[in-house]
N, C-alpha and C. Protein backbone atom coordinates (compact mmCIF):
# COMPACT_ATOMS: atom_id res chain seq x y z
N UNK A 1 -16.02 -11.25 22.56
CA UNK A 1 -15.42 -10.63 21.38
C UNK A 1 -14.03 -11.23 21.15
N UNK A 2 -13.78 -11.65 19.93
CA UNK A 2 -12.50 -12.26 19.60
C UNK A 2 -11.47 -11.18 19.28
N UNK A 3 -10.28 -11.33 19.83
CA UNK A 3 -9.19 -10.38 19.58
C UNK A 3 -8.57 -10.70 18.22
N UNK A 4 -8.46 -9.69 17.32
CA UNK A 4 -7.85 -9.97 16.02
C UNK A 4 -6.38 -10.33 16.17
N UNK A 5 -5.93 -11.26 15.34
CA UNK A 5 -4.53 -11.68 15.39
C UNK A 5 -3.84 -11.22 14.10
N UNK A 6 -2.84 -10.36 14.23
CA UNK A 6 -2.12 -9.91 13.04
C UNK A 6 -1.42 -11.09 12.35
N UNK A 7 -1.28 -10.98 11.04
CA UNK A 7 -0.51 -11.98 10.31
C UNK A 7 0.26 -11.32 9.18
N UNK A 8 1.32 -12.00 8.73
CA UNK A 8 2.21 -11.46 7.71
C UNK A 8 2.02 -12.20 6.39
N UNK A 9 2.16 -11.44 5.31
CA UNK A 9 2.15 -12.02 3.97
C UNK A 9 3.38 -11.52 3.24
N UNK A 10 4.20 -12.44 2.76
CA UNK A 10 5.37 -12.08 1.97
C UNK A 10 4.91 -11.65 0.58
N UNK A 11 5.55 -10.62 0.06
CA UNK A 11 5.30 -10.13 -1.29
C UNK A 11 6.65 -10.02 -2.00
N UNK A 12 6.68 -9.97 -3.33
CA UNK A 12 7.97 -9.85 -4.01
C UNK A 12 8.73 -8.58 -3.65
N UNK A 13 8.00 -7.53 -3.29
CA UNK A 13 8.61 -6.23 -2.98
C UNK A 13 8.90 -6.06 -1.49
N UNK A 14 8.48 -7.01 -0.64
CA UNK A 14 8.66 -6.91 0.82
C UNK A 14 7.61 -7.73 1.52
N UNK A 15 6.90 -7.11 2.49
CA UNK A 15 5.85 -7.85 3.20
C UNK A 15 4.75 -6.92 3.68
N UNK A 16 3.59 -7.53 3.97
CA UNK A 16 2.46 -6.83 4.56
C UNK A 16 2.21 -7.44 5.93
N UNK A 17 1.99 -6.61 6.92
CA UNK A 17 1.53 -7.04 8.23
C UNK A 17 0.09 -6.60 8.34
N UNK A 18 -0.83 -7.56 8.30
CA UNK A 18 -2.26 -7.27 8.41
C UNK A 18 -2.59 -7.12 9.88
N UNK A 19 -2.95 -5.92 10.29
CA UNK A 19 -3.25 -5.63 11.69
C UNK A 19 -4.73 -5.81 11.97
N UNK A 20 -5.58 -5.38 11.05
CA UNK A 20 -7.02 -5.48 11.23
C UNK A 20 -7.70 -5.58 9.88
N UNK A 21 -8.67 -6.45 9.78
CA UNK A 21 -9.48 -6.55 8.57
C UNK A 21 -10.94 -6.56 9.01
N UNK A 22 -11.35 -5.44 9.57
CA UNK A 22 -12.68 -5.29 10.16
C UNK A 22 -13.49 -4.36 9.27
N UNK A 23 -14.15 -4.94 8.28
CA UNK A 23 -14.91 -4.12 7.34
C UNK A 23 -15.73 -3.09 8.07
N UNK A 24 -15.85 -1.86 7.62
CA UNK A 24 -15.45 -1.33 6.32
C UNK A 24 -14.06 -0.70 6.31
N UNK A 25 -13.19 -1.08 7.21
CA UNK A 25 -11.83 -0.55 7.19
C UNK A 25 -10.83 -1.68 7.37
N UNK A 26 -9.59 -1.40 6.97
CA UNK A 26 -8.53 -2.38 7.12
C UNK A 26 -7.24 -1.65 7.42
N UNK A 27 -6.40 -2.26 8.24
CA UNK A 27 -5.13 -1.66 8.62
C UNK A 27 -4.00 -2.63 8.27
N UNK A 28 -3.00 -2.11 7.55
CA UNK A 28 -1.81 -2.90 7.20
C UNK A 28 -0.57 -2.06 7.49
N UNK A 29 0.53 -2.75 7.73
CA UNK A 29 1.84 -2.10 7.74
C UNK A 29 2.62 -2.71 6.59
N UNK A 30 3.02 -1.87 5.63
CA UNK A 30 3.76 -2.31 4.46
C UNK A 30 5.24 -2.08 4.69
N UNK A 31 6.05 -3.09 4.41
CA UNK A 31 7.51 -2.98 4.48
C UNK A 31 8.02 -3.17 3.06
N UNK A 32 8.52 -2.11 2.46
CA UNK A 32 8.95 -2.15 1.07
C UNK A 32 10.48 -2.12 1.04
N UNK A 33 11.06 -3.15 0.44
CA UNK A 33 12.51 -3.27 0.36
C UNK A 33 13.10 -2.11 -0.44
N UNK A 34 14.37 -1.75 -0.16
CA UNK A 34 15.01 -0.69 -0.94
C UNK A 34 14.95 -0.99 -2.44
N UNK A 35 14.59 0.02 -3.21
CA UNK A 35 14.55 -0.03 -4.67
C UNK A 35 13.52 -1.01 -5.24
N UNK A 36 12.60 -1.49 -4.42
CA UNK A 36 11.50 -2.33 -4.91
C UNK A 36 10.25 -1.47 -5.07
N UNK A 37 9.23 -2.00 -5.72
CA UNK A 37 8.03 -1.21 -5.96
C UNK A 37 6.80 -2.10 -6.03
N UNK A 38 5.68 -1.53 -5.66
CA UNK A 38 4.40 -2.18 -5.83
C UNK A 38 3.93 -1.94 -7.26
N UNK A 39 2.91 -2.66 -7.67
CA UNK A 39 2.38 -2.46 -9.02
C UNK A 39 1.72 -1.08 -9.12
N UNK A 40 1.67 -0.57 -10.35
CA UNK A 40 0.84 0.61 -10.63
C UNK A 40 -0.58 0.07 -10.68
N UNK A 41 -1.45 0.57 -9.81
CA UNK A 41 -2.76 -0.04 -9.61
C UNK A 41 -3.80 0.98 -9.22
N UNK A 42 -5.04 0.53 -9.20
CA UNK A 42 -6.12 1.32 -8.63
C UNK A 42 -7.15 0.37 -8.05
N UNK A 43 -8.08 0.93 -7.28
CA UNK A 43 -9.14 0.14 -6.64
C UNK A 43 -10.48 0.77 -7.00
N UNK A 44 -11.46 -0.07 -7.26
CA UNK A 44 -12.80 0.42 -7.59
C UNK A 44 -13.62 0.74 -6.34
N UNK A 45 -13.35 0.02 -5.25
CA UNK A 45 -14.27 0.05 -4.11
C UNK A 45 -13.67 0.54 -2.80
N UNK A 46 -12.45 1.06 -2.82
CA UNK A 46 -11.88 1.53 -1.56
C UNK A 46 -10.91 2.69 -1.76
N UNK A 47 -10.88 3.55 -0.75
CA UNK A 47 -9.89 4.62 -0.64
C UNK A 47 -8.75 4.10 0.23
N UNK A 48 -7.58 4.70 0.08
CA UNK A 48 -6.45 4.35 0.95
C UNK A 48 -5.83 5.62 1.52
N UNK A 49 -5.30 5.48 2.73
CA UNK A 49 -4.56 6.55 3.39
C UNK A 49 -3.23 5.95 3.81
N UNK A 50 -2.13 6.62 3.47
CA UNK A 50 -0.80 6.15 3.84
C UNK A 50 -0.16 7.13 4.81
N UNK A 51 0.50 6.60 5.82
CA UNK A 51 1.33 7.40 6.73
C UNK A 51 2.70 6.74 6.75
N UNK A 52 3.74 7.50 6.41
CA UNK A 52 5.09 6.96 6.38
C UNK A 52 5.64 6.91 7.80
N UNK A 53 5.97 5.70 8.25
CA UNK A 53 6.54 5.50 9.58
C UNK A 53 8.04 5.74 9.54
N UNK A 54 8.71 5.16 8.54
CA UNK A 54 10.17 5.36 8.43
C UNK A 54 10.63 5.02 7.02
N UNK A 55 11.86 5.38 6.74
CA UNK A 55 12.46 5.10 5.44
C UNK A 55 12.22 6.22 4.45
N UNK A 56 12.47 5.89 3.19
CA UNK A 56 12.29 6.88 2.13
C UNK A 56 11.80 6.19 0.88
N UNK A 57 11.26 6.98 -0.02
CA UNK A 57 10.77 6.44 -1.28
C UNK A 57 9.95 7.47 -2.02
N UNK A 58 9.17 6.97 -2.96
CA UNK A 58 8.33 7.82 -3.80
C UNK A 58 6.98 7.15 -3.97
N UNK A 59 5.94 7.97 -3.99
CA UNK A 59 4.60 7.49 -4.34
C UNK A 59 4.22 8.15 -5.66
N UNK A 60 3.61 7.37 -6.53
CA UNK A 60 2.99 7.94 -7.72
C UNK A 60 1.49 7.90 -7.45
N UNK A 61 0.87 9.07 -7.48
CA UNK A 61 -0.57 9.19 -7.24
C UNK A 61 -1.14 10.04 -8.38
N UNK A 62 -1.89 9.40 -9.25
CA UNK A 62 -2.51 10.09 -10.38
C UNK A 62 -1.47 10.87 -11.19
N UNK A 63 -0.36 10.21 -11.50
CA UNK A 63 0.75 10.76 -12.29
C UNK A 63 1.59 11.81 -11.58
N UNK A 64 1.30 12.14 -10.32
CA UNK A 64 2.15 13.03 -9.53
C UNK A 64 3.14 12.20 -8.74
N UNK A 65 4.39 12.65 -8.67
CA UNK A 65 5.42 11.98 -7.86
C UNK A 65 5.50 12.69 -6.52
N UNK A 66 5.31 11.92 -5.44
CA UNK A 66 5.32 12.46 -4.08
C UNK A 66 6.51 11.86 -3.35
N UNK A 67 7.39 12.71 -2.82
CA UNK A 67 8.54 12.25 -2.05
C UNK A 67 8.06 11.76 -0.68
N UNK A 68 8.52 10.57 -0.29
CA UNK A 68 8.10 9.98 0.98
C UNK A 68 9.24 9.92 1.97
N UNK A 69 8.95 10.34 3.20
CA UNK A 69 9.87 10.22 4.33
C UNK A 69 9.01 10.18 5.58
N UNK A 70 9.59 9.87 6.72
CA UNK A 70 8.83 9.74 7.97
C UNK A 70 7.94 10.96 8.20
N UNK A 71 6.67 10.69 8.53
CA UNK A 71 5.73 11.74 8.84
C UNK A 71 4.85 12.20 7.69
N UNK A 72 5.18 11.80 6.47
CA UNK A 72 4.39 12.22 5.31
C UNK A 72 3.10 11.40 5.24
N UNK A 73 1.99 12.07 4.95
CA UNK A 73 0.69 11.43 4.78
C UNK A 73 0.23 11.61 3.34
N UNK A 74 -0.50 10.62 2.83
CA UNK A 74 -1.03 10.70 1.47
C UNK A 74 -2.37 9.98 1.41
N UNK A 75 -3.37 10.66 0.86
CA UNK A 75 -4.69 10.05 0.66
C UNK A 75 -4.81 9.67 -0.81
N UNK A 76 -5.34 8.47 -1.08
CA UNK A 76 -5.53 7.99 -2.44
C UNK A 76 -7.00 7.59 -2.61
N UNK A 77 -7.79 8.40 -3.32
CA UNK A 77 -9.20 8.06 -3.53
C UNK A 77 -9.35 6.84 -4.45
N UNK A 78 -10.44 6.13 -4.29
CA UNK A 78 -10.70 4.99 -5.19
C UNK A 78 -10.74 5.49 -6.63
N UNK A 79 -10.28 4.63 -7.53
CA UNK A 79 -10.26 4.96 -8.95
C UNK A 79 -9.02 5.69 -9.41
N UNK A 80 -8.13 6.08 -8.49
CA UNK A 80 -6.92 6.83 -8.83
C UNK A 80 -5.73 5.87 -8.93
N UNK A 81 -4.98 5.94 -10.03
CA UNK A 81 -3.78 5.12 -10.20
C UNK A 81 -2.76 5.50 -9.14
N UNK A 82 -2.08 4.49 -8.57
CA UNK A 82 -1.07 4.77 -7.56
C UNK A 82 -0.05 3.64 -7.49
N UNK A 83 1.12 4.00 -6.93
CA UNK A 83 2.21 3.04 -6.76
C UNK A 83 3.11 3.55 -5.64
N UNK A 84 3.64 2.64 -4.84
CA UNK A 84 4.66 2.95 -3.84
C UNK A 84 5.99 2.37 -4.30
N UNK A 85 7.07 3.14 -4.12
CA UNK A 85 8.40 2.70 -4.52
C UNK A 85 9.38 2.98 -3.39
N UNK A 86 10.15 1.96 -3.04
CA UNK A 86 11.16 2.12 -2.01
C UNK A 86 12.35 2.92 -2.52
N UNK A 87 13.03 3.58 -1.60
CA UNK A 87 14.21 4.36 -1.93
C UNK A 87 15.47 3.64 -1.49
N UNK A 88 16.37 4.37 -0.86
CA UNK A 88 17.65 3.82 -0.41
C UNK A 88 17.46 2.94 0.82
N UNK A 89 16.53 3.32 1.70
CA UNK A 89 16.26 2.55 2.93
C UNK A 89 14.91 1.86 2.81
N UNK A 90 14.70 0.83 3.63
CA UNK A 90 13.40 0.17 3.68
C UNK A 90 12.33 1.19 4.02
N UNK A 91 11.23 1.15 3.29
CA UNK A 91 10.12 2.09 3.48
C UNK A 91 9.01 1.39 4.26
N UNK A 92 8.65 1.94 5.42
CA UNK A 92 7.60 1.37 6.26
C UNK A 92 6.40 2.32 6.23
N UNK A 93 5.25 1.79 5.80
CA UNK A 93 4.03 2.58 5.60
C UNK A 93 2.89 1.97 6.40
N UNK A 94 2.17 2.82 7.13
CA UNK A 94 0.90 2.43 7.73
C UNK A 94 -0.17 2.70 6.67
N UNK A 95 -0.89 1.65 6.27
CA UNK A 95 -1.92 1.80 5.23
C UNK A 95 -3.29 1.54 5.84
N UNK A 96 -4.18 2.51 5.69
CA UNK A 96 -5.57 2.36 6.12
C UNK A 96 -6.43 2.34 4.87
N UNK A 97 -7.28 1.33 4.74
CA UNK A 97 -8.19 1.23 3.61
C UNK A 97 -9.61 1.42 4.10
N UNK A 98 -10.40 2.18 3.35
CA UNK A 98 -11.78 2.47 3.73
C UNK A 98 -12.70 2.14 2.57
N UNK A 99 -13.76 1.42 2.86
CA UNK A 99 -14.73 1.05 1.84
C UNK A 99 -14.90 -0.45 1.83
N UNK A 100 -15.23 -0.97 0.68
CA UNK A 100 -15.45 -2.41 0.52
C UNK A 100 -14.11 -3.05 0.22
N UNK A 101 -13.55 -3.76 1.20
CA UNK A 101 -12.21 -4.32 1.02
C UNK A 101 -12.29 -5.73 0.46
N UNK A 102 -11.52 -5.95 -0.61
CA UNK A 102 -11.41 -7.26 -1.23
C UNK A 102 -10.07 -7.27 -1.95
N UNK A 103 -9.21 -8.23 -1.68
CA UNK A 103 -7.91 -8.30 -2.34
C UNK A 103 -8.07 -8.44 -3.86
N UNK A 104 -9.23 -8.87 -4.33
CA UNK A 104 -9.47 -8.97 -5.77
C UNK A 104 -9.71 -7.59 -6.38
N UNK A 105 -9.90 -6.57 -5.55
CA UNK A 105 -10.12 -5.20 -6.02
C UNK A 105 -8.78 -4.49 -6.19
N UNK A 106 -7.84 -5.16 -6.83
CA UNK A 106 -6.56 -4.56 -7.20
C UNK A 106 -6.46 -4.69 -8.71
N UNK A 107 -6.61 -3.59 -9.41
CA UNK A 107 -6.50 -3.59 -10.86
C UNK A 107 -5.09 -3.12 -11.17
N UNK A 108 -4.23 -4.06 -11.58
CA UNK A 108 -2.83 -3.76 -11.85
C UNK A 108 -2.65 -3.34 -13.30
N UNK A 109 -2.03 -2.18 -13.49
CA UNK A 109 -1.76 -1.64 -14.82
C UNK A 109 -0.35 -1.94 -15.28
N UNK A 110 0.60 -1.95 -14.33
CA UNK A 110 2.00 -2.30 -14.58
C UNK A 110 2.50 -3.06 -13.35
N UNK A 111 3.33 -4.07 -13.59
CA UNK A 111 3.86 -4.82 -12.46
C UNK A 111 5.14 -5.54 -12.90
N UNK A 112 6.25 -5.21 -12.28
CA UNK A 112 7.52 -5.80 -12.68
C UNK A 112 7.63 -7.27 -12.30
N UNK A 113 6.67 -7.78 -11.52
CA UNK A 113 6.67 -9.18 -11.11
C UNK A 113 5.70 -10.02 -11.94
N UNK A 114 5.10 -9.43 -12.98
CA UNK A 114 4.24 -10.18 -13.88
C UNK A 114 2.84 -10.45 -13.37
N UNK A 115 2.34 -9.62 -12.44
CA UNK A 115 1.01 -9.85 -11.86
C UNK A 115 -0.05 -8.92 -12.44
N UNK A 116 -0.05 -8.69 -13.71
CA UNK A 116 -1.03 -7.80 -14.35
C UNK A 116 -2.41 -8.46 -14.30
N UNK A 117 -3.44 -7.65 -13.98
CA UNK A 117 -4.81 -8.17 -13.94
C UNK A 117 -5.62 -7.62 -15.09
């Protein structure tokens, strides 16, 4: 059995540490820079679960604003619009994805970096 090797991907809002991509689940650690944000997006084929490790920020989940700080958990069902936004400190999130994982399954509705799909 091969041991998975984590790898990092730089993003305009921070970085992703891919810990596991073992279908039907995936594990990432998201590092969101202060005052940066991910796109407003949804997924057709996967649910997501977020656990805040540290920092502060806000999540938009189906038009609700959720305050984020260490220890907060949030479930995002597939098909629901969502966005993560960093606050004053770097926001570190453990993200678990369940279902059919494909990076192409990101439908961006708004994106300050011009990545609308």
